[in-house]
Amino acid sequence: MQTINEFFNKLDSAIWGVPMIVLLFGTHLFLTVRTGFIQRKTFTAIKLSVTKDPDSPGEVSQFQALTTALASTIGTGNIVGVGTAVFLGGPGAVLWCWLTGVFGIATKYSESLIAVKYRVQTKDGRMQGGAMYALERALGLKWLGVLFALFALFASFGIGSGTQINAIAEIIENNVPLPIPRIAIGLIFGMITAVVIIGGIKSIATVCEKLVPFMAAFYVAGCLIILSINADFILPALKAIVTLAFKPGAVAGGLVGRGIMLAMQYGIARGLFSNESGMGSAPLVASAAQTRNPVRQALVSSTGTFWDTVVVCLMTGLVLVSTIMKNPDINMDMIQNGGQMTTAAFSQIPVLGPVILVVGIITFAYSTILGWSYYGERCCEYLFGAKGMLPYKIIFVSIVVVGPVLSLDLVWTISDILNALMAIPNLVAVLLLSGVVAKDTKYYLSHLDERDETPIPVIDK
């Protein structure tokens, strides 16, 4: 078993090495230029995200599609993942993580645009879209679309289910005074998940549009309170983050900057993993949105990366760096990983800190389960038709039930690999169709209210 673990760890390191980071961040930069710096329309996009378009084709509102996508992207990576970046790459990793979010907005916009543009409709009126349909319909690369769907399907069982419920069980076990058996946690969350996902996208979206704003607002408000307590260390923390992003050094609290290469590597990698820009996951639900034209929904979807990384990850990074700098009781020599560092930092704030951490991780992880259940279902239907949906849901819920009692180190590693393998076909689609993205962007940005009258093909699946 150790040999298997070592093999997958080496494969994970190789796949998520410099070439993948260059490919993803390079795509972010290329599409930022190709779309004419679409980030400048972020506030227009935020306004559109709360604007309903009920007379347009689709199953859920633009806001519901956004919150369902945010449900999967705002996860434990926004808390523990940022801690891992700071632990391994130093405070400067926060800046690179943030920049990944800023430029990743363009990729999230582009992949969502082609998902809506090339979506199809089932006979019973359900919308289907994503990288697999863009690859098949626009580029004639169905085999690559099949690979994307397979990788995403299996990833939903790992990163979208097993690892998330395991994180929930661990945080409950370590912070709730009453002993609750792990299998009981799995059964409770399994039943709740089954009730929600059995109703399909409309049921999932209804829960997400209520849960996601609450959990994000609660966490950000908590972080703001902690930052107000750390007010005298906010400017030193910002200075450390910016300075140590480009050179090695040390600051108060034992935080060490390891130089530009490590700061970039871990900051960019955690940022990419957190916001999923380029992975092709969010477009799976964007294609179900009621929207007049592809650009409107693409703009709405792009705000997901803004909220996830530009706001939430930045908040976490500032809380961690300022708290560690302010509290000498945190012994960095005794901390072995990013998770321990995050826990130590939040626990320095009496009462409030642990509550924010516990509620944040539970809600973030559970919302990820809901979002990924839909992603996996869409990929399952693409591969096997409607008949595959019920078996998929049964397997997904079963993993939620047993996930708390499993050792998931290997599952985390394999999920990391599958996420990277998802990204490659998706990036092929986005880059080859960048001309289409640029053309539609140029036209519809000055005609945002215009309806795209192109017929949506009806498929027999």
Protein backbone atom coordinates (compact mmCIF):
# COMPACT_ATOMS: atom_id res chain seq x y z
CA MET A 1 0.00 0.00 0.00
CA GLN A 2 2.88 2.35 0.77
CA THR A 3 4.25 1.78 -2.72
CA ILE A 4 0.86 2.73 -4.22
CA ASN A 5 0.72 5.88 -2.09
CA GLU A 6 4.24 6.86 -3.13
CA PHE A 7 3.39 6.29 -6.81
CA PHE A 8 0.30 8.52 -6.70
CA ASN A 9 2.09 11.17 -4.63
CA LYS A 10 4.85 11.37 -7.23
CA LEU A 11 2.30 11.43 -10.07
CA ASP A 12 0.37 14.20 -8.29
CA SER A 13 3.55 16.26 -7.82
CA ALA A 14 4.45 15.77 -11.48
CA ILE A 15 1.00 16.68 -12.84
CA TRP A 16 0.57 19.69 -10.53
CA GLY A 17 4.15 20.82 -11.14
CA VAL A 18 5.46 23.83 -12.99
CA PRO A 19 4.04 22.87 -16.45
CA MET A 20 0.43 22.72 -15.17
CA ILE A 21 0.81 25.93 -13.20
CA VAL A 22 2.29 27.65 -16.28
CA LEU A 23 -0.52 26.29 -18.47
CA LEU A 24 -3.29 27.46 -16.15
CA PHE A 25 -1.83 30.83 -15.16
CA GLY A 26 -0.72 31.40 -18.75
CA THR A 27 -4.28 30.73 -19.91
CA HIS A 28 -5.55 33.24 -17.34
CA LEU A 29 -3.21 35.91 -18.72
CA PHE A 30 -3.94 35.07 -22.37
CA LEU A 31 -7.72 35.20 -21.89
CA THR A 32 -7.45 38.42 -19.88
CA VAL A 33 -5.92 40.01 -22.98
CA ARG A 34 -8.23 38.16 -25.42
CA THR A 35 -11.37 39.39 -23.64
CA GLY A 36 -10.12 42.96 -23.35
CA PHE A 37 -9.56 42.67 -19.59
CA ILE A 38 -13.04 41.40 -18.77
CA GLN A 39 -12.27 41.94 -15.06
CA ARG A 40 -13.20 45.60 -15.59
CA LYS A 41 -16.84 44.43 -15.85
CA THR A 42 -16.85 42.72 -12.44
CA PHE A 43 -19.24 45.19 -10.81
CA THR A 44 -21.60 44.98 -13.81
CA ALA A 45 -21.42 41.20 -13.40
CA ILE A 46 -22.26 41.41 -9.69
CA LYS A 47 -25.31 43.51 -10.56
CA LEU A 48 -26.38 40.97 -13.20
CA SER A 49 -25.98 38.10 -10.72
CA VAL A 50 -28.98 39.31 -8.73
CA THR A 51 -31.05 40.14 -11.83
CA LYS A 52 -33.60 37.52 -12.80
CA ASP A 53 -34.29 36.61 -16.41
CA PRO A 54 -37.33 34.29 -16.08
CA ASP A 55 -38.45 34.42 -19.72
CA SER A 56 -35.15 33.08 -21.05
CA PRO A 57 -34.38 29.39 -21.63
CA GLY A 58 -32.90 27.55 -18.65
CA GLU A 59 -33.80 25.71 -15.47
CA VAL A 60 -32.53 27.97 -12.68
CA SER A 61 -31.91 31.69 -12.21
CA GLN A 62 -28.51 33.24 -12.85
CA PHE A 63 -28.09 33.75 -9.10
CA GLN A 64 -28.96 30.12 -8.35
CA ALA A 65 -26.44 28.94 -10.95
CA LEU A 66 -23.79 31.20 -9.39
CA THR A 67 -24.46 30.07 -5.81
CA THR A 68 -24.46 26.40 -6.85
CA ALA A 69 -21.07 26.91 -8.50
CA LEU A 70 -19.84 28.84 -5.45
CA ALA A 71 -21.07 25.98 -3.26
CA SER A 72 -18.44 23.72 -4.80
CA THR A 73 -15.64 26.27 -5.13
CA ILE A 74 -15.89 27.85 -1.67
CA GLY A 75 -14.65 24.86 0.29
CA THR A 76 -12.10 23.84 2.87
CA GLY A 77 -9.40 25.06 0.45
CA ASN A 78 -10.44 28.64 1.24
CA ILE A 79 -9.51 28.07 4.88
CA VAL A 80 -7.04 25.19 5.25
CA GLY A 81 -5.76 25.54 1.66
CA VAL A 82 -4.63 29.12 2.26
CA GLY A 83 -2.97 27.96 5.48
CA THR A 84 -1.09 25.33 3.48
CA ALA A 85 0.06 27.98 0.98
CA VAL A 86 1.36 30.24 3.77
CA PHE A 87 2.99 27.32 5.61
CA LEU A 88 4.85 26.06 2.53
CA GLY A 89 5.38 29.25 0.55
CA GLY A 90 5.48 31.92 3.24
CA PRO A 91 3.23 35.01 3.62
CA GLY A 92 4.02 36.05 0.03
CA ALA A 93 2.00 33.09 -1.23
CA VAL A 94 -1.15 35.05 -0.29
CA LEU A 95 -0.36 37.68 -2.95
CA TRP A 96 0.16 35.07 -5.67
CA CYS A 97 -3.03 33.28 -4.61
CA TRP A 98 -4.90 36.60 -4.89
CA LEU A 99 -3.41 37.42 -8.31
CA THR A 100 -4.48 33.98 -9.52
CA GLY A 101 -8.03 34.93 -8.60
CA VAL A 102 -7.83 38.33 -10.32
CA PHE A 103 -6.61 36.87 -13.64
CA GLY A 104 -8.63 33.65 -13.24
CA ILE A 105 -11.81 35.71 -13.63
CA ALA A 106 -11.13 35.80 -17.39
CA THR A 107 -10.86 32.01 -17.65
CA LYS A 108 -14.01 31.40 -15.58
CA TYR A 109 -15.79 33.89 -17.85
CA SER A 110 -14.56 32.21 -21.05
CA GLU A 111 -15.28 28.61 -20.06
CA SER A 112 -18.79 29.58 -18.92
CA LEU A 113 -19.46 31.47 -22.17
CA ILE A 114 -18.74 28.44 -24.37
CA ALA A 115 -20.71 26.18 -22.00
CA VAL A 116 -23.85 28.29 -22.50
CA LYS A 117 -23.22 28.86 -26.22
CA TYR A 118 -22.96 25.15 -27.02
CA ARG A 119 -25.48 23.78 -24.53
CA VAL A 120 -28.21 21.36 -25.51
CA GLN A 121 -31.64 20.46 -24.18
CA THR A 122 -33.15 17.09 -23.31
CA LYS A 123 -36.63 16.09 -24.46
CA ASP A 124 -38.03 16.85 -21.00
CA GLY A 125 -36.61 20.40 -21.09
CA ARG A 126 -33.45 20.05 -18.98
CA MET A 127 -30.35 22.00 -20.05
CA GLN A 128 -27.02 20.21 -20.51
CA GLY A 129 -23.70 21.91 -21.11
CA GLY A 130 -20.05 22.07 -20.22
CA ALA A 131 -16.66 21.37 -21.77
CA MET A 132 -17.78 18.00 -23.17
CA TYR A 133 -20.52 19.58 -25.29
CA ALA A 134 -18.26 22.42 -26.48
CA LEU A 135 -15.59 19.88 -27.45
CA GLU A 136 -18.14 17.70 -29.26
CA ARG A 137 -20.32 20.33 -30.95
CA ALA A 138 -17.84 23.11 -31.73
CA LEU A 139 -14.60 21.20 -32.27
CA GLY A 140 -15.69 17.67 -33.21
CA LEU A 141 -13.56 16.23 -30.39
CA LYS A 142 -16.11 13.98 -28.72
CA TRP A 143 -13.42 11.60 -27.45
CA LEU A 144 -11.86 14.46 -25.49
CA GLY A 145 -15.28 15.40 -24.15
CA VAL A 146 -15.75 11.81 -22.96
CA LEU A 147 -12.40 11.96 -21.14
CA PHE A 148 -13.38 15.23 -19.43
CA ALA A 149 -16.70 13.73 -18.30
CA LEU A 150 -14.98 10.57 -16.97
CA PHE A 151 -12.39 12.52 -15.00
CA ALA A 152 -15.04 14.86 -13.54
CA LEU A 153 -17.35 11.94 -12.68
CA PHE A 154 -14.69 10.16 -10.64
CA ALA A 155 -13.47 13.43 -9.11
CA SER A 156 -16.98 14.03 -7.75
CA PHE A 157 -16.69 10.91 -5.59
CA GLY A 158 -13.35 12.04 -4.12
CA ILE A 159 -12.93 15.81 -3.89
CA GLY A 160 -16.70 16.33 -4.09
CA SER A 161 -17.87 13.79 -1.53
CA GLY A 162 -15.52 11.52 0.43
CA THR A 163 -12.88 14.07 1.37
CA GLN A 164 -15.44 16.75 2.27
CA ILE A 165 -17.52 14.61 4.64
CA ASN A 166 -14.29 13.35 6.20
CA ALA A 167 -13.26 16.96 6.92
CA ILE A 168 -16.69 17.60 8.48
CA ALA A 169 -16.37 14.52 10.71
CA GLU A 170 -12.87 15.51 11.81
CA ILE A 171 -13.81 19.06 12.74
CA ILE A 172 -16.88 17.84 14.68
CA GLU A 173 -14.85 15.15 16.45
CA ASN A 174 -12.16 17.63 17.52
CA ASN A 175 -14.41 20.53 18.55
CA VAL A 176 -17.75 19.17 19.80
CA PRO A 177 -17.62 18.09 23.48
CA LEU A 178 -20.14 15.26 23.01
CA PRO A 179 -18.73 12.05 21.48
CA ILE A 180 -20.51 11.48 18.16
CA PRO A 181 -19.63 8.30 16.24
CA ARG A 182 -18.21 9.08 12.81
CA ILE A 183 -20.64 6.71 11.10
CA ALA A 184 -23.53 8.63 12.73
CA ILE A 185 -22.20 11.85 11.17
CA GLY A 186 -22.08 10.09 7.82
CA LEU A 187 -25.64 8.78 8.16
CA ILE A 188 -27.04 12.19 9.14
CA PHE A 189 -25.33 14.07 6.31
CA GLY A 190 -26.07 11.19 3.91
CA MET A 191 -29.81 11.47 4.57
CA ILE A 192 -29.78 15.27 4.22
CA THR A 193 -27.81 15.00 0.98
CA ALA A 194 -30.17 12.39 -0.45
CA VAL A 195 -33.20 14.55 0.24
CA VAL A 196 -31.59 17.53 -1.50
CA ILE A 197 -30.02 15.91 -4.58
CA ILE A 198 -32.94 13.60 -5.40
CA GLY A 199 -34.79 16.72 -6.59
CA GLY A 200 -32.11 17.55 -9.16
CA ILE A 201 -30.71 20.97 -10.01
CA LYS A 202 -33.77 22.94 -8.90
CA SER A 203 -33.65 21.43 -5.41
CA ILE A 204 -29.85 21.80 -5.14
CA ALA A 205 -29.99 25.40 -6.40
CA THR A 206 -32.78 26.30 -3.95
CA VAL A 207 -30.67 25.12 -1.00
CA CYS A 208 -27.46 26.70 -2.33
CA GLU A 209 -28.98 30.14 -2.94
CA LYS A 210 -29.82 30.26 0.79
CA LEU A 211 -26.81 28.44 2.26
CA VAL A 212 -23.98 30.03 0.25
CA PRO A 213 -24.72 33.73 0.98
CA PHE A 214 -25.17 32.90 4.68
CA MET A 215 -21.97 30.89 5.04
CA ALA A 216 -19.87 33.37 3.04
CA ALA A 217 -21.27 36.40 4.91
CA PHE A 218 -20.78 34.66 8.29
CA TYR A 219 -17.18 33.76 7.50
CA VAL A 220 -16.23 37.15 6.03
CA ALA A 221 -17.91 38.99 8.94
CA GLY A 222 -16.01 36.79 11.39
CA CYS A 223 -12.75 37.50 9.57
CA LEU A 224 -13.47 41.25 9.64
CA ILE A 225 -14.02 41.08 13.42
CA ILE A 226 -10.72 39.23 13.86
CA LEU A 227 -8.96 41.78 11.64
CA SER A 228 -10.42 44.60 13.76
CA ILE A 229 -8.88 42.90 16.82
CA ASN A 230 -5.60 42.62 14.88
CA ALA A 231 -5.90 46.19 13.55
CA ASP A 232 -2.39 47.17 14.66
CA PHE A 233 -0.91 44.31 12.64
CA ILE A 234 -2.90 44.64 9.38
CA LEU A 235 -0.44 47.01 7.69
CA PRO A 236 2.62 44.97 8.81
CA ALA A 237 0.84 41.84 7.53
CA LEU A 238 0.14 43.46 4.16
CA LYS A 239 3.74 44.62 3.94
CA ALA A 240 4.96 41.09 4.71
CA ILE A 241 2.63 39.57 2.11
CA VAL A 242 3.78 41.95 -0.65
CA THR A 243 7.50 41.98 0.26
CA LEU A 244 7.88 38.23 0.80
CA ALA A 245 6.10 37.48 -2.47
CA PHE A 246 9.30 38.50 -4.25
CA LYS A 247 12.17 37.78 -1.90
CA PRO A 248 13.08 35.57 1.08
CA GLY A 249 12.96 36.91 4.62
CA ALA A 250 11.34 36.56 8.05
CA VAL A 251 8.80 38.59 10.00
CA ALA A 252 7.36 38.63 13.52
CA GLY A 253 5.75 35.41 14.72
CA GLY A 254 8.27 33.13 13.07
CA LEU A 255 6.77 33.40 9.59
CA VAL A 256 9.40 32.79 6.93
CA GLY A 257 9.33 33.94 3.31
CA ARG A 258 10.99 31.31 1.14
CA GLY A 259 11.59 33.36 -1.99
CA ILE A 260 9.66 34.16 -5.13
CA MET A 261 9.67 30.65 -6.66
CA LEU A 262 8.12 28.87 -3.66
CA ALA A 263 5.75 31.76 -2.96
CA MET A 264 4.56 31.61 -6.58
CA GLN A 265 4.37 27.82 -6.71
CA TYR A 266 2.26 27.34 -3.60
CA GLY A 267 0.26 30.55 -3.89
CA ILE A 268 -0.72 29.95 -7.52
CA ALA A 269 -1.37 26.23 -6.98
CA ARG A 270 -3.66 26.83 -3.97
CA GLY A 271 -5.40 29.70 -5.77
CA LEU A 272 -6.06 27.57 -8.83
CA PHE A 273 -7.28 24.69 -6.69
CA SER A 274 -9.54 26.99 -4.68
CA ASN A 275 -11.35 28.90 -7.43
CA GLU A 276 -11.41 26.07 -10.04
CA SER A 277 -10.97 28.57 -12.90
CA GLY A 278 -9.94 26.49 -15.89
CA MET A 279 -11.07 23.21 -14.36
CA GLY A 280 -14.39 23.21 -16.19
CA SER A 281 -16.58 22.51 -13.17
CA ALA A 282 -18.61 25.73 -12.80
CA PRO A 283 -19.71 25.78 -16.50
CA LEU A 284 -21.60 22.52 -15.87
CA VAL A 285 -24.15 24.46 -13.83
CA ALA A 286 -23.79 27.77 -15.71
CA SER A 287 -25.28 26.03 -18.74
CA ALA A 288 -28.51 25.43 -16.81
CA ALA A 289 -29.07 29.13 -16.09
CA GLN A 290 -31.87 31.25 -17.52
CA THR A 291 -30.04 33.86 -19.57
CA ARG A 292 -30.63 35.96 -22.67
CA ASN A 293 -27.21 35.37 -24.16
CA PRO A 294 -23.98 33.55 -23.29
CA VAL A 295 -22.11 36.70 -22.23
CA ARG A 296 -24.61 37.61 -19.49
CA GLN A 297 -24.22 34.27 -17.74
CA ALA A 298 -20.47 34.21 -18.36
CA LEU A 299 -20.19 37.54 -16.54
CA VAL A 300 -22.27 36.21 -13.65
CA SER A 301 -20.18 33.04 -13.43
CA SER A 302 -16.94 35.03 -13.42
CA THR A 303 -17.96 36.67 -10.13
CA GLY A 304 -17.56 33.26 -8.52
CA THR A 305 -13.79 33.55 -8.79
CA PHE A 306 -13.96 37.13 -7.49
CA TRP A 307 -15.84 36.10 -4.34
CA ASP A 308 -13.93 32.85 -3.83
CA THR A 309 -10.33 33.99 -4.18
CA VAL A 310 -10.18 37.77 -4.44
CA VAL A 311 -12.36 38.15 -1.31
CA VAL A 312 -12.55 34.96 0.82
CA CYS A 313 -8.99 33.67 0.30
CA LEU A 314 -7.58 37.16 0.85
CA MET A 315 -9.55 37.45 4.10
CA THR A 316 -8.17 34.10 5.31
CA GLY A 317 -4.62 35.05 4.36
CA LEU A 318 -4.79 38.38 6.20
CA VAL A 319 -6.29 36.73 9.30
CA LEU A 320 -3.58 34.06 9.37
CA VAL A 321 -0.60 36.35 8.81
CA SER A 322 -1.76 39.16 11.13
CA THR A 323 -2.78 36.74 13.92
CA ILE A 324 0.51 34.82 13.83
CA MET A 325 2.51 38.06 13.78
CA LYS A 326 0.53 39.42 16.73
CA ASN A 327 0.53 36.30 18.92
CA PRO A 328 3.96 35.04 20.02
CA ASP A 329 2.24 32.07 21.73
CA ILE A 330 2.01 30.40 18.30
CA ASN A 331 5.21 28.38 18.00
CA MET A 332 5.81 27.91 14.27
CA ASP A 333 8.55 25.36 15.04
CA MET A 334 5.90 23.00 16.46
CA ILE A 335 3.52 23.30 13.50
CA GLN A 336 3.79 20.53 10.91
CA ASN A 337 1.23 21.50 8.25
CA GLY A 338 -1.12 24.21 7.01
CA GLY A 339 -4.13 22.75 8.82
CA GLN A 340 -2.39 22.97 12.20
CA MET A 341 -1.29 26.53 11.46
CA THR A 342 -4.85 27.56 10.56
CA THR A 343 -6.26 25.99 13.73
CA ALA A 344 -3.56 27.61 15.88
CA ALA A 345 -4.19 31.04 14.36
CA PHE A 346 -7.99 30.98 14.76
CA SER A 347 -7.76 29.54 18.30
CA GLN A 348 -5.88 32.67 19.42
CA ILE A 349 -9.15 34.59 19.20
CA PRO A 350 -11.19 33.68 22.32
CA VAL A 351 -14.57 32.04 21.65
CA LEU A 352 -15.10 33.65 18.24
CA GLY A 353 -12.09 32.18 16.43
CA PRO A 354 -12.89 28.46 16.91
CA VAL A 355 -16.59 29.08 16.15
CA ILE A 356 -15.76 30.77 12.84
CA LEU A 357 -13.38 27.94 11.94
CA VAL A 358 -15.81 25.13 12.84
CA VAL A 359 -18.92 26.67 11.23
CA GLY A 360 -16.85 27.76 8.23
CA ILE A 361 -15.40 24.32 7.53
CA ILE A 362 -18.70 22.46 8.08
CA THR A 363 -20.76 24.75 5.83
CA PHE A 364 -18.03 25.15 3.21
CA ALA A 365 -17.45 21.40 3.02
CA TYR A 366 -21.14 20.48 2.91
CA SER A 367 -21.92 23.03 0.21
CA THR A 368 -19.09 21.51 -1.83
CA ILE A 369 -20.82 18.12 -1.56
CA LEU A 370 -24.03 19.59 -2.99
CA GLY A 371 -22.31 21.44 -5.83
CA TRP A 372 -20.20 18.47 -6.90
CA SER A 373 -23.17 16.10 -6.78
CA TYR A 374 -24.67 18.09 -9.65
CA TYR A 375 -21.38 18.21 -11.58
CA GLY A 376 -21.01 14.45 -11.35
CA GLU A 377 -24.64 13.88 -12.31
CA ARG A 378 -24.28 15.97 -15.48
CA CYS A 379 -21.16 14.06 -16.52
CA CYS A 380 -22.83 10.73 -15.74
CA GLU A 381 -25.80 11.63 -17.93
CA TYR A 382 -23.48 12.67 -20.77
CA LEU A 383 -21.72 9.30 -20.61
CA PHE A 384 -24.61 6.92 -19.84
CA GLY A 385 -27.83 8.82 -20.49
CA ALA A 386 -30.66 9.47 -18.02
CA LYS A 387 -30.62 5.84 -16.88
CA GLY A 388 -27.28 6.41 -15.17
CA MET A 389 -28.49 9.23 -12.91
CA LEU A 390 -30.16 7.19 -10.14
CA PRO A 391 -27.26 4.72 -9.72
CA TYR A 392 -24.89 7.69 -9.61
CA LYS A 393 -26.88 9.38 -6.84
CA ILE A 394 -26.99 6.15 -4.81
CA ILE A 395 -23.20 5.72 -5.07
CA PHE A 396 -22.62 9.41 -4.25
CA VAL A 397 -24.80 9.30 -1.11
CA SER A 398 -23.20 5.99 -0.05
CA ILE A 399 -19.78 7.64 -0.15
CA VAL A 400 -21.10 10.49 2.01
CA VAL A 401 -22.26 7.87 4.55
CA VAL A 402 -19.02 5.88 4.75
CA GLY A 403 -16.60 8.75 4.06
CA PRO A 404 -16.13 9.73 7.74
CA VAL A 405 -14.69 6.31 8.65
CA LEU A 406 -12.33 5.96 5.69
CA SER A 407 -8.66 6.89 5.52
CA LEU A 408 -8.66 9.32 2.64
CA ASP A 409 -5.05 10.39 2.10
CA LEU A 410 -4.87 8.38 -1.12
CA VAL A 411 -8.33 9.63 -2.20
CA TRP A 412 -7.18 13.25 -1.77
CA THR A 413 -4.13 12.57 -3.94
CA ILE A 414 -6.10 10.81 -6.68
CA SER A 415 -8.70 13.61 -6.62
CA ASP A 416 -5.92 16.16 -7.10
CA ILE A 417 -4.76 14.20 -10.15
CA LEU A 418 -8.30 13.93 -11.57
CA ASN A 419 -8.84 17.68 -11.16
CA ALA A 420 -5.73 18.36 -13.21
CA LEU A 421 -6.81 15.83 -15.85
CA MET A 422 -10.21 17.57 -16.02
CA ALA A 423 -8.54 20.89 -16.64
CA ILE A 424 -6.56 19.78 -19.71
CA PRO A 425 -9.54 18.98 -22.04
CA ASN A 426 -11.35 22.04 -20.73
CA LEU A 427 -8.39 24.32 -21.46
CA VAL A 428 -8.11 22.81 -24.95
CA ALA A 429 -11.74 23.83 -25.57
CA VAL A 430 -11.31 27.34 -24.11
CA LEU A 431 -8.08 28.10 -25.97
CA LEU A 432 -9.25 26.73 -29.34
CA LEU A 433 -12.52 28.64 -29.01
CA SER A 434 -10.94 31.85 -27.71
CA GLY A 435 -11.76 33.54 -31.03
CA VAL A 436 -15.46 32.77 -30.48
CA VAL A 437 -15.18 34.08 -26.92
CA ALA A 438 -13.56 37.32 -28.12
CA LYS A 439 -16.15 37.82 -30.90
CA ASP A 440 -19.19 37.25 -28.64
CA THR A 441 -17.65 39.39 -25.89
CA LYS A 442 -17.09 42.33 -28.23
CA TYR A 443 -20.66 42.16 -29.56
CA TYR A 444 -22.71 41.39 -26.46
CA LEU A 445 -20.94 43.75 -24.06
CA SER A 446 -22.62 46.55 -25.99
CA HIS A 447 -25.86 44.52 -26.41
CA LEU A 448 -26.22 42.88 -23.00
CA ASP A 449 -30.03 42.86 -23.10
CA GLU A 450 -30.22 41.31 -26.56
CA ARG A 451 -31.54 37.75 -26.82
CA ASP A 452 -29.52 35.09 -28.57
CA GLU A 453 -32.12 33.51 -30.86
CA THR A 454 -29.90 30.59 -31.92
CA PRO A 455 -31.97 27.39 -31.54
CA ILE A 456 -30.84 25.08 -28.74
CA PRO A 457 -30.54 21.50 -30.08
CA VAL A 458 -32.74 18.86 -28.45
CA ILE A 459 -30.99 15.56 -27.74
CA ASP A 460 -32.43 12.10 -27.12
CA LYS A 461 -30.74 10.88 -23.93
